[in-house]
Amino acid sequence: MARADAKTAVLADGLRYKSKVSGSPFAATTSFGAATMSCFMCGKHRARSLMGTRKVLGKSQAVCSPSCKGLDEALEAAAAAAAAAAAASSTAA
């Protein structure tokens, strides 16, 4: 999801980011469930389906579910399993 760093320069008319790509890396999606939110605890953007709510400072906030560290480990394990399955299917063919 990371983009190449944009080269910036202040032009004579005061404009910046002449070469910057427009838009947001968190573009709006067509379905509400596919939208992302940032976790109140770790700040990472996650799909809403991976978030839960927890009372923090007296208000319900969106946080990673079950925990930020647990979700990172689960996502890494799933990515490793998918890579292993892709490697196995490419060698079998």
N, C-alpha and C. Protein backbone atom coordinates (compact mmCIF):
# COMPACT_ATOMS: atom_id res chain seq x y z
N MET A 1 0.82 -1.18 0.00
CA MET A 1 0.00 0.00 0.00
C MET A 1 0.87 1.25 0.00
N ALA A 2 2.15 1.08 0.27
CA ALA A 2 3.02 2.25 0.30
C ALA A 2 3.29 2.75 -1.11
N ARG A 3 3.31 4.03 -1.25
CA ARG A 3 3.59 4.66 -2.54
C ARG A 3 5.01 5.21 -2.53
N ALA A 4 5.52 5.47 -3.70
CA ALA A 4 6.83 6.09 -3.80
C ALA A 4 6.75 7.51 -3.25
N ASP A 5 7.82 7.93 -2.61
CA ASP A 5 7.84 9.28 -2.04
C ASP A 5 7.71 10.32 -3.15
N ALA A 6 6.86 11.28 -2.94
CA ALA A 6 6.67 12.35 -3.93
C ALA A 6 7.77 13.39 -3.75
N LYS A 7 8.28 13.88 -4.83
CA LYS A 7 9.27 14.96 -4.76
C LYS A 7 8.51 16.27 -4.59
N THR A 8 8.94 17.04 -3.62
CA THR A 8 8.24 18.28 -3.35
C THR A 8 9.14 19.46 -3.60
N ALA A 9 8.52 20.52 -3.99
CA ALA A 9 9.23 21.78 -4.18
C ALA A 9 8.21 22.90 -4.12
N VAL A 10 8.57 24.00 -3.50
CA VAL A 10 7.69 25.16 -3.45
C VAL A 10 7.94 25.95 -4.73
N LEU A 11 6.89 26.08 -5.53
CA LEU A 11 7.00 26.81 -6.78
C LEU A 11 6.84 28.30 -6.53
N ALA A 12 7.10 29.11 -7.55
CA ALA A 12 7.01 30.56 -7.42
C ALA A 12 5.60 31.01 -7.05
N ASP A 13 4.57 30.28 -7.51
CA ASP A 13 3.20 30.68 -7.19
C ASP A 13 2.72 30.11 -5.84
N GLY A 14 3.62 29.41 -5.12
CA GLY A 14 3.27 28.91 -3.79
C GLY A 14 2.72 27.50 -3.76
N LEU A 15 2.55 26.87 -4.92
CA LEU A 15 2.03 25.51 -4.94
C LEU A 15 3.11 24.52 -4.55
N ARG A 16 2.68 23.42 -3.96
CA ARG A 16 3.59 22.34 -3.58
C ARG A 16 3.12 21.05 -4.25
N TYR A 17 3.93 20.05 -4.17
CA TYR A 17 3.59 18.71 -4.61
C TYR A 17 3.14 18.66 -6.07
N LYS A 18 3.91 19.25 -6.95
CA LYS A 18 3.57 19.21 -8.35
C LYS A 18 3.55 17.77 -8.87
N SER A 19 4.41 16.91 -8.34
CA SER A 19 4.48 15.53 -8.81
C SER A 19 3.71 14.55 -7.92
N LYS A 20 3.03 15.03 -6.91
CA LYS A 20 2.33 14.15 -5.99
C LYS A 20 1.10 13.54 -6.66
N VAL A 21 0.92 12.24 -6.43
CA VAL A 21 -0.24 11.53 -6.95
C VAL A 21 -1.46 11.95 -6.15
N SER A 22 -2.54 12.26 -6.85
CA SER A 22 -3.74 12.70 -6.15
C SER A 22 -4.47 11.50 -5.55
N GLY A 23 -5.31 11.76 -4.59
CA GLY A 23 -6.12 10.71 -4.00
C GLY A 23 -5.57 10.25 -2.66
N SER A 24 -6.24 9.27 -2.10
CA SER A 24 -5.89 8.75 -0.80
C SER A 24 -5.56 7.27 -0.92
N PRO A 25 -4.60 6.76 -0.15
CA PRO A 25 -4.36 5.32 -0.16
C PRO A 25 -5.52 4.55 0.46
N PHE A 26 -6.39 5.23 1.17
CA PHE A 26 -7.55 4.61 1.79
C PHE A 26 -8.79 5.02 1.03
N ALA A 27 -8.81 4.73 -0.26
CA ALA A 27 -9.91 5.14 -1.13
C ALA A 27 -11.23 4.53 -0.66
N ALA A 28 -12.30 5.25 -0.89
CA ALA A 28 -13.62 4.77 -0.52
C ALA A 28 -13.96 3.55 -1.36
N THR A 29 -14.56 2.58 -0.72
CA THR A 29 -14.96 1.37 -1.42
C THR A 29 -16.46 1.38 -1.62
N THR A 30 -16.93 0.49 -2.48
CA THR A 30 -18.36 0.48 -2.79
C THR A 30 -19.19 -0.15 -1.67
N SER A 31 -18.61 -1.08 -0.92
CA SER A 31 -19.37 -1.71 0.15
C SER A 31 -18.88 -1.21 1.50
N PHE A 32 -19.79 -1.06 2.43
CA PHE A 32 -19.45 -0.51 3.74
C PHE A 32 -18.53 -1.46 4.50
N GLY A 33 -18.72 -2.77 4.36
CA GLY A 33 -17.92 -3.74 5.10
C GLY A 33 -16.47 -3.77 4.66
N ALA A 34 -16.17 -3.33 3.44
CA ALA A 34 -14.80 -3.36 2.95
C ALA A 34 -14.03 -2.10 3.31
N ALA A 35 -14.69 -1.13 3.91
CA ALA A 35 -14.03 0.12 4.28
C ALA A 35 -13.03 -0.13 5.41
N THR A 36 -12.05 0.75 5.53
CA THR A 36 -11.06 0.61 6.59
C THR A 36 -11.26 1.69 7.64
N MET A 37 -10.77 1.39 8.82
CA MET A 37 -10.75 2.35 9.92
C MET A 37 -9.39 2.24 10.58
N SER A 38 -8.98 3.28 11.25
CA SER A 38 -7.73 3.19 11.98
C SER A 38 -8.03 2.76 13.41
N CYS A 39 -7.16 1.92 13.93
CA CYS A 39 -7.29 1.44 15.30
C CYS A 39 -6.95 2.58 16.25
N PHE A 40 -7.73 2.73 17.30
CA PHE A 40 -7.49 3.79 18.27
C PHE A 40 -6.20 3.54 19.05
N MET A 41 -5.82 2.26 19.21
CA MET A 41 -4.65 1.92 20.01
C MET A 41 -3.35 1.96 19.20
N CYS A 42 -3.32 1.29 18.03
CA CYS A 42 -2.06 1.19 17.29
C CYS A 42 -2.02 2.12 16.07
N GLY A 43 -3.16 2.60 15.59
CA GLY A 43 -3.21 3.54 14.48
C GLY A 43 -3.17 2.90 13.11
N LYS A 44 -3.07 1.56 13.02
CA LYS A 44 -3.03 0.91 11.72
C LYS A 44 -4.43 0.85 11.12
N HIS A 45 -4.50 0.99 9.79
CA HIS A 45 -5.78 0.87 9.11
C HIS A 45 -6.09 -0.60 8.90
N ARG A 46 -7.27 -1.00 9.28
CA ARG A 46 -7.73 -2.39 9.15
C ARG A 46 -9.13 -2.38 8.56
N ALA A 47 -9.52 -3.51 7.98
CA ALA A 47 -10.89 -3.66 7.51
C ALA A 47 -11.82 -3.62 8.73
N ARG A 48 -13.00 -3.09 8.53
CA ARG A 48 -13.94 -2.96 9.65
C ARG A 48 -14.29 -4.33 10.24
N SER A 49 -14.23 -5.37 9.41
CA SER A 49 -14.54 -6.71 9.90
C SER A 49 -13.49 -7.22 10.88
N LEU A 50 -12.29 -6.65 10.88
CA LEU A 50 -11.23 -7.05 11.80
C LEU A 50 -11.20 -6.19 13.05
N MET A 51 -12.11 -5.25 13.16
CA MET A 51 -12.14 -4.33 14.29
C MET A 51 -13.23 -4.71 15.28
N GLY A 52 -13.05 -4.31 16.49
CA GLY A 52 -14.06 -4.43 17.52
C GLY A 52 -14.14 -3.10 18.25
N THR A 53 -15.02 -3.00 19.21
CA THR A 53 -15.11 -1.77 19.99
C THR A 53 -14.70 -2.05 21.42
N ARG A 54 -14.07 -1.07 22.02
CA ARG A 54 -13.66 -1.15 23.41
C ARG A 54 -13.84 0.22 24.02
N LYS A 55 -14.26 0.25 25.27
CA LYS A 55 -14.40 1.54 25.94
C LYS A 55 -13.02 2.04 26.34
N VAL A 56 -12.65 3.18 25.80
CA VAL A 56 -11.38 3.82 26.11
C VAL A 56 -11.68 5.25 26.49
N LEU A 57 -11.26 5.63 27.69
CA LEU A 57 -11.49 6.98 28.20
C LEU A 57 -12.97 7.35 28.18
N GLY A 58 -13.82 6.39 28.49
CA GLY A 58 -15.25 6.66 28.62
C GLY A 58 -16.03 6.66 27.33
N LYS A 59 -15.39 6.39 26.18
CA LYS A 59 -16.09 6.35 24.90
C LYS A 59 -15.77 5.03 24.20
N SER A 60 -16.69 4.53 23.42
CA SER A 60 -16.44 3.33 22.63
C SER A 60 -15.59 3.71 21.42
N GLN A 61 -14.45 3.04 21.29
CA GLN A 61 -13.51 3.31 20.20
C GLN A 61 -13.29 2.03 19.40
N ALA A 62 -13.00 2.17 18.11
CA ALA A 62 -12.69 1.04 17.25
C ALA A 62 -11.24 0.62 17.50
N VAL A 63 -11.04 -0.65 17.84
CA VAL A 63 -9.71 -1.20 18.09
C VAL A 63 -9.59 -2.54 17.39
N CYS A 64 -8.36 -2.99 17.19
CA CYS A 64 -8.12 -4.30 16.59
C CYS A 64 -8.71 -5.37 17.50
N SER A 65 -9.27 -6.41 16.91
CA SER A 65 -9.88 -7.48 17.69
C SER A 65 -9.18 -8.78 17.37
N PRO A 66 -8.73 -9.57 18.27
CA PRO A 66 -8.86 -9.50 19.72
C PRO A 66 -7.89 -8.52 20.37
N SER A 67 -6.71 -8.34 19.75
CA SER A 67 -5.75 -7.33 20.21
C SER A 67 -4.89 -6.94 19.02
N CYS A 68 -4.19 -5.85 19.13
CA CYS A 68 -3.34 -5.38 18.03
C CYS A 68 -2.25 -6.40 17.72
N LYS A 69 -1.57 -6.89 18.75
CA LYS A 69 -0.48 -7.85 18.56
C LYS A 69 -1.02 -9.18 18.05
N GLY A 70 -2.13 -9.64 18.60
CA GLY A 70 -2.73 -10.91 18.18
C GLY A 70 -3.19 -10.86 16.74
N LEU A 71 -3.75 -9.74 16.31
CA LEU A 71 -4.21 -9.60 14.93
C LEU A 71 -3.03 -9.56 13.97
N ASP A 72 -1.94 -8.87 14.35
CA ASP A 72 -0.74 -8.84 13.50
C ASP A 72 -0.19 -10.25 13.31
N GLU A 73 -0.13 -11.03 14.40
CA GLU A 73 0.39 -12.40 14.31
C GLU A 73 -0.52 -13.27 13.44
N ALA A 74 -1.83 -13.13 13.58
CA ALA A 74 -2.77 -13.92 12.78
C ALA A 74 -2.66 -13.57 11.31
N LEU A 75 -2.51 -12.29 10.98
CA LEU A 75 -2.39 -11.88 9.59
C LEU A 75 -1.08 -12.36 8.98
N GLU A 76 0.01 -12.33 9.76
CA GLU A 76 1.29 -12.83 9.27
C GLU A 76 1.24 -14.33 9.03
N ALA A 77 0.58 -15.08 9.92
CA ALA A 77 0.45 -16.52 9.76
C ALA A 77 -0.39 -16.84 8.53
N ALA A 78 -1.46 -16.09 8.31
CA ALA A 78 -2.31 -16.32 7.14
C ALA A 78 -1.55 -16.01 5.85
N ALA A 79 -0.74 -14.97 5.86
CA ALA A 79 0.04 -14.62 4.67
C ALA A 79 1.09 -15.69 4.38
N ALA A 80 1.72 -16.23 5.43
CA ALA A 80 2.71 -17.29 5.25
C ALA A 80 2.05 -18.55 4.72
N ALA A 81 0.86 -18.88 5.21
CA ALA A 81 0.15 -20.06 4.74
C ALA A 81 -0.27 -19.90 3.28
N ALA A 82 -0.69 -18.70 2.91
CA ALA A 82 -1.09 -18.45 1.52
C ALA A 82 0.12 -18.54 0.59
N ALA A 83 1.26 -18.04 1.03
CA ALA A 83 2.48 -18.13 0.23
C ALA A 83 2.92 -19.57 0.07
N ALA A 84 2.81 -20.37 1.13
CA ALA A 84 3.18 -21.78 1.04
C ALA A 84 2.25 -22.53 0.12
N ALA A 85 0.96 -22.22 0.16
CA ALA A 85 -0.02 -22.87 -0.71
C ALA A 85 0.23 -22.49 -2.16
N ALA A 86 0.58 -21.24 -2.42
CA ALA A 86 0.86 -20.79 -3.78
C ALA A 86 2.12 -21.47 -4.32
N ALA A 87 3.13 -21.63 -3.47
CA ALA A 87 4.36 -22.30 -3.88
C ALA A 87 4.10 -23.78 -4.16
N ALA A 88 3.27 -24.41 -3.34
CA ALA A 88 2.96 -25.82 -3.55
C ALA A 88 2.15 -26.03 -4.83
N SER A 89 1.24 -25.14 -5.12
CA SER A 89 0.43 -25.28 -6.34
C SER A 89 1.24 -25.00 -7.59
N SER A 90 2.23 -24.12 -7.51
CA SER A 90 3.05 -23.83 -8.68
C SER A 90 4.03 -24.97 -8.97
N THR A 91 4.50 -25.69 -7.96
CA THR A 91 5.40 -26.81 -8.18
C THR A 91 4.65 -28.05 -8.61
N ALA A 92 3.38 -28.18 -8.23
CA ALA A 92 2.57 -29.34 -8.62
C ALA A 92 2.14 -29.26 -10.06
N ALA A 93 2.08 -28.09 -10.62
CA ALA A 93 1.61 -27.92 -12.01
C ALA A 93 2.66 -28.12 -13.01
